[in-house]
Amino acid sequence: MKTLISAALVAVAGCGGSNLSLSVRAGAPAATAASSSALTLSNGIVVSRVRIVVTKVELELAKTADAGLADLEEHELKAGPFLIDLSGATLDNGTPATVATAGLPAGTYKEIKFKIHKLQTDESGVAADAALQAMATSGASIIADGTIDGVAFSFSTPMDVEQELEGSFVMSATSNLTLNVDATSWFGGAGSARLDPRDATVRGQIESNIQHSFKAFRDDNKDGHED
């Protein structure tokens, strides 16, 4: 069963008067919500918690320059570092968990940029946040907890991921853009060999799957499906 999870990150920069938002969810893009408290893959792996440290989220708005050429106007979203921590109810029912609210201009956005980064314990904002401090102490930017054939595992990686997702996102003043993290693909699944998160020899494959598991789409009703 492929389950969706969603954590809403609503813009903290831009013009007032609008309520354009950015959501983040983990799960297969075509999945529907179910009550399972976990992401259950078809290969004996169950993911019960996903933690991701994000240090930057930006959107690039297409603006028309004097010469008629499209120029890009950069807008920073939720200021980092912050932790996306998904488990339990937020892992099985797709209900957004709001992190912040503010305004962002309507228009056509051409790119979303975000950075996942391993923190140091002495970095700004870490000492005052127990969850970030725990990630920094563990030396991880991403941690996935769950079971494999009923045996508990915890997969962690210090990988830095800086993604630029290009598209043409026509957003109104009240639109929502969803960034999907397909955690069901991290450890293999239907049509691919199982990647045991305890096996150091497949770590590179898992990290590659993580890096290629991000997709963005307009999702005004925040149901996890592209509008």
Protein backbone atom coordinates (compact mmCIF):
# COMPACT_ATOMS: atom_id res chain seq x y z
CA MET A 1 0.00 0.00 0.00
CA LYS A 2 1.50 3.35 -1.03
CA THR A 3 0.51 6.06 1.40
CA LEU A 4 0.81 9.83 1.15
CA ILE A 5 1.95 12.22 3.83
CA SER A 6 1.91 15.98 3.75
CA ALA A 7 3.44 18.82 5.74
CA ALA A 8 2.43 22.29 4.57
CA LEU A 9 5.14 24.92 4.25
CA VAL A 10 3.41 28.21 3.52
CA ALA A 11 5.38 31.13 2.12
CA VAL A 12 7.07 33.49 4.51
CA ALA A 13 8.28 35.98 1.91
CA GLY A 14 6.71 37.96 -0.91
CA CYS A 15 3.85 40.37 -1.44
CA GLY A 16 1.01 40.70 1.06
CA GLY A 17 -2.60 39.92 0.28
CA SER A 18 -2.04 36.45 -1.13
CA ASN A 19 -1.91 33.05 0.53
CA LEU A 20 0.03 30.98 -1.98
CA SER A 21 1.46 27.94 -0.20
CA LEU A 22 4.03 25.21 -0.62
CA SER A 23 3.32 21.73 0.78
CA VAL A 24 5.66 18.79 1.26
CA ARG A 25 4.55 15.16 1.36
CA ALA A 26 6.18 11.73 1.20
CA GLY A 27 4.69 8.79 -0.66
CA ALA A 28 4.03 7.64 -4.19
CA PRO A 29 2.67 10.53 -6.32
CA ALA A 30 -0.47 8.60 -7.30
CA ALA A 31 -1.18 7.24 -3.82
CA THR A 32 -4.37 7.82 -1.87
CA ALA A 33 -4.66 8.30 1.86
CA ALA A 34 -5.22 5.29 4.08
CA SER A 35 -5.14 4.60 7.78
CA SER A 36 -1.97 2.57 8.26
CA SER A 37 0.42 4.78 10.28
CA ALA A 38 3.23 3.78 7.90
CA LEU A 39 4.39 3.48 4.30
CA THR A 40 4.16 -0.22 3.49
CA LEU A 41 6.22 -1.28 0.49
CA SER A 42 5.64 -4.46 -1.50
CA ASN A 43 8.99 -5.96 -0.49
CA GLY A 44 8.64 -6.49 3.26
CA ILE A 45 9.82 -3.00 4.21
CA VAL A 46 7.65 -0.65 6.26
CA VAL A 47 8.69 3.00 6.75
CA SER A 48 7.17 4.42 9.94
CA ARG A 49 9.02 7.73 10.25
CA VAL A 50 10.85 10.11 7.90
CA ARG A 51 12.96 13.06 9.05
CA ILE A 52 14.54 15.53 6.63
CA VAL A 53 16.61 18.63 7.49
CA VAL A 54 15.91 21.49 5.07
CA THR A 55 18.08 24.60 5.02
CA LYS A 56 16.67 26.46 2.01
CA VAL A 57 13.46 26.62 -0.02
CA GLU A 58 13.10 29.14 -2.86
CA LEU A 59 10.70 29.68 -5.76
CA GLU A 60 11.58 31.51 -8.97
CA LEU A 61 8.79 33.62 -10.44
CA ALA A 62 8.85 34.35 -14.17
CA LYS A 63 8.79 38.09 -14.87
CA THR A 64 8.71 39.77 -18.30
CA ALA A 65 11.67 42.07 -18.87
CA ASP A 66 11.63 45.20 -21.07
CA ALA A 67 12.96 43.25 -24.05
CA GLY A 68 10.08 40.79 -23.73
CA LEU A 69 12.30 38.05 -22.37
CA ALA A 70 11.39 36.10 -19.25
CA ASP A 71 13.40 37.02 -16.19
CA LEU A 72 13.32 35.10 -12.91
CA GLU A 73 12.49 36.73 -9.59
CA GLU A 74 13.63 34.70 -6.61
CA HIS A 75 11.45 34.35 -3.50
CA GLU A 76 12.68 32.63 -0.35
CA LEU A 77 10.17 30.52 1.54
CA LYS A 78 10.38 29.04 5.03
CA ALA A 79 13.70 30.12 6.54
CA GLY A 80 15.97 27.22 7.44
CA PRO A 81 17.16 25.20 9.03
CA PHE A 82 13.98 23.33 9.89
CA LEU A 83 12.98 19.71 10.24
CA ILE A 84 10.29 17.86 8.33
CA ASP A 85 9.30 15.07 10.74
CA LEU A 86 6.59 12.72 9.50
CA SER A 87 5.20 9.79 11.48
CA GLY A 88 1.99 8.36 12.90
CA ALA A 89 -1.11 10.27 11.79
CA THR A 90 0.84 12.60 9.49
CA LEU A 91 2.23 9.55 7.74
CA ASP A 92 -1.08 7.90 6.93
CA ASN A 93 -3.85 10.46 6.39
CA GLY A 94 -2.29 13.21 4.31
CA THR A 95 -3.47 16.04 6.57
CA PRO A 96 -1.12 19.03 6.15
CA ALA A 97 0.80 20.23 9.20
CA THR A 98 1.28 23.99 8.82
CA VAL A 99 4.76 25.29 9.53
CA ALA A 100 4.25 29.01 8.70
CA THR A 101 1.89 31.33 6.84
CA ALA A 102 2.56 34.48 4.79
CA GLY A 103 2.12 35.90 1.30
CA LEU A 104 3.71 35.16 -2.07
CA PRO A 105 2.90 36.76 -5.44
CA ALA A 106 0.61 35.00 -7.90
CA GLY A 107 2.10 34.20 -11.29
CA THR A 108 4.00 31.54 -13.23
CA TYR A 109 6.77 29.92 -11.26
CA LYS A 110 9.49 28.24 -13.30
CA GLU A 111 11.59 26.58 -10.65
CA ILE A 112 11.59 25.42 -7.07
CA LYS A 113 14.93 25.14 -5.28
CA PHE A 114 15.52 23.42 -1.99
CA LYS A 115 18.51 22.19 -0.05
CA ILE A 116 18.77 19.25 2.34
CA HIS A 117 21.85 19.55 4.52
CA LYS A 118 23.58 17.87 7.47
CA LEU A 119 23.80 20.33 10.35
CA GLN A 120 26.66 20.97 12.76
CA THR A 121 25.78 21.26 16.45
CA ASP A 122 27.17 24.83 16.59
CA GLU A 123 25.17 26.14 13.60
CA SER A 124 22.72 28.98 14.12
CA GLY A 125 19.31 27.84 15.33
CA VAL A 126 20.38 24.30 16.19
CA ALA A 127 21.04 24.62 19.93
CA ALA A 128 17.58 26.08 20.56
CA ASP A 129 15.76 23.29 18.71
CA ALA A 130 15.93 19.83 20.29
CA ALA A 131 14.84 18.06 17.11
CA LEU A 132 17.49 19.78 14.98
CA GLN A 133 20.06 19.18 17.69
CA ALA A 134 19.28 15.46 17.63
CA MET A 135 19.78 15.38 13.85
CA ALA A 136 23.06 17.28 14.13
CA THR A 137 24.31 14.97 16.88
CA SER A 138 23.45 11.93 14.77
CA GLY A 139 25.38 13.39 11.83
CA ALA A 140 22.40 12.92 9.51
CA SER A 141 20.42 15.08 7.11
CA ILE A 142 17.85 12.33 6.48
CA ILE A 143 16.68 9.50 8.75
CA ALA A 144 14.12 6.84 7.86
CA ASP A 145 12.90 4.46 10.56
CA GLY A 146 10.84 1.33 10.06
CA THR A 147 10.97 -2.45 9.86
CA ILE A 148 12.24 -4.97 7.35
CA ASP A 149 10.61 -8.39 7.60
CA GLY A 150 9.38 -7.28 11.01
CA VAL A 151 12.85 -6.32 12.30
CA ALA A 152 13.41 -2.67 13.23
CA PHE A 153 15.88 -0.57 11.24
CA SER A 154 17.03 3.04 11.12
CA PHE A 155 18.65 4.32 7.93
CA SER A 156 20.52 7.62 8.15
CA THR A 157 22.56 9.56 5.65
CA PRO A 158 24.57 12.80 5.84
CA MET A 159 24.03 13.50 2.15
CA ASP A 160 23.62 17.07 0.93
CA VAL A 161 20.92 17.42 -1.71
CA GLU A 162 20.42 20.66 -3.61
CA GLN A 163 17.57 20.25 -6.08
CA GLU A 164 16.23 22.52 -8.80
CA LEU A 165 12.86 21.30 -10.04
CA GLU A 166 11.87 23.07 -13.25
CA GLY A 167 8.34 23.39 -14.60
CA SER A 168 5.62 25.89 -15.34
CA PHE A 169 3.50 26.32 -12.23
CA VAL A 170 0.70 28.83 -12.85
CA MET A 171 -0.29 29.84 -9.35
CA SER A 172 -3.13 32.09 -8.22
CA ALA A 173 -3.09 34.06 -4.97
CA THR A 174 -4.53 31.07 -3.08
CA SER A 175 -2.84 28.18 -4.91
CA ASN A 176 -0.75 25.44 -3.34
CA LEU A 177 2.38 23.86 -4.77
CA THR A 178 3.18 20.37 -3.47
CA LEU A 179 6.71 19.03 -3.30
CA ASN A 180 6.40 15.25 -3.31
CA VAL A 181 9.06 13.04 -1.74
CA ASP A 182 8.47 9.48 -2.91
CA ALA A 183 9.86 7.62 0.10
CA THR A 184 8.27 4.41 -1.22
CA SER A 185 11.03 4.30 -3.86
CA TRP A 186 14.00 4.64 -1.52
CA PHE A 187 14.46 0.95 -0.70
CA GLY A 188 13.26 -0.57 -3.95
CA GLY A 189 9.76 -1.83 -4.66
CA ALA A 190 7.58 -3.16 -7.43
CA GLY A 191 9.69 -3.94 -10.47
CA SER A 192 13.03 -3.48 -8.70
CA ALA A 193 15.19 -5.43 -6.28
CA ARG A 194 14.81 -4.84 -2.56
CA LEU A 195 17.51 -2.60 -1.09
CA ASP A 196 18.16 -3.62 2.50
CA PRO A 197 18.73 -0.39 4.47
CA ARG A 198 21.07 -2.32 6.81
CA ASP A 199 23.39 -3.30 3.94
CA ALA A 200 26.23 -0.80 3.50
CA THR A 201 26.93 -2.05 -0.03
CA VAL A 202 23.62 -0.66 -1.34
CA ARG A 203 23.85 2.71 0.46
CA GLY A 204 24.85 4.46 -2.77
CA GLN A 205 21.79 3.10 -4.58
CA ILE A 206 19.49 4.18 -1.76
CA GLU A 207 20.98 7.68 -1.71
CA SER A 208 20.57 7.90 -5.49
CA ASN A 209 16.91 6.88 -5.11
CA ILE A 210 16.44 9.59 -2.47
CA GLN A 211 17.98 12.23 -4.73
CA HIS A 212 15.65 11.26 -7.59
CA SER A 213 12.50 10.95 -5.48
CA PHE A 214 11.42 14.62 -5.58
CA LYS A 215 8.68 16.06 -7.79
CA ALA A 216 6.66 19.28 -7.66
CA PHE A 217 3.12 19.97 -8.91
CA ARG A 218 0.17 22.31 -8.36
CA ASP A 219 -2.17 20.90 -5.74
CA ASP A 220 -4.64 23.56 -4.60
CA ASN A 221 -6.81 21.24 -2.51
CA LYS A 222 -3.74 19.57 -0.90
CA ASP A 223 -4.90 16.06 -1.67
CA GLY A 224 -1.52 14.89 -2.94
CA HIS A 225 -2.63 14.75 -6.58
CA GLU A 226 -1.63 17.09 -9.39
CA ASP A 227 -4.46 19.49 -10.29
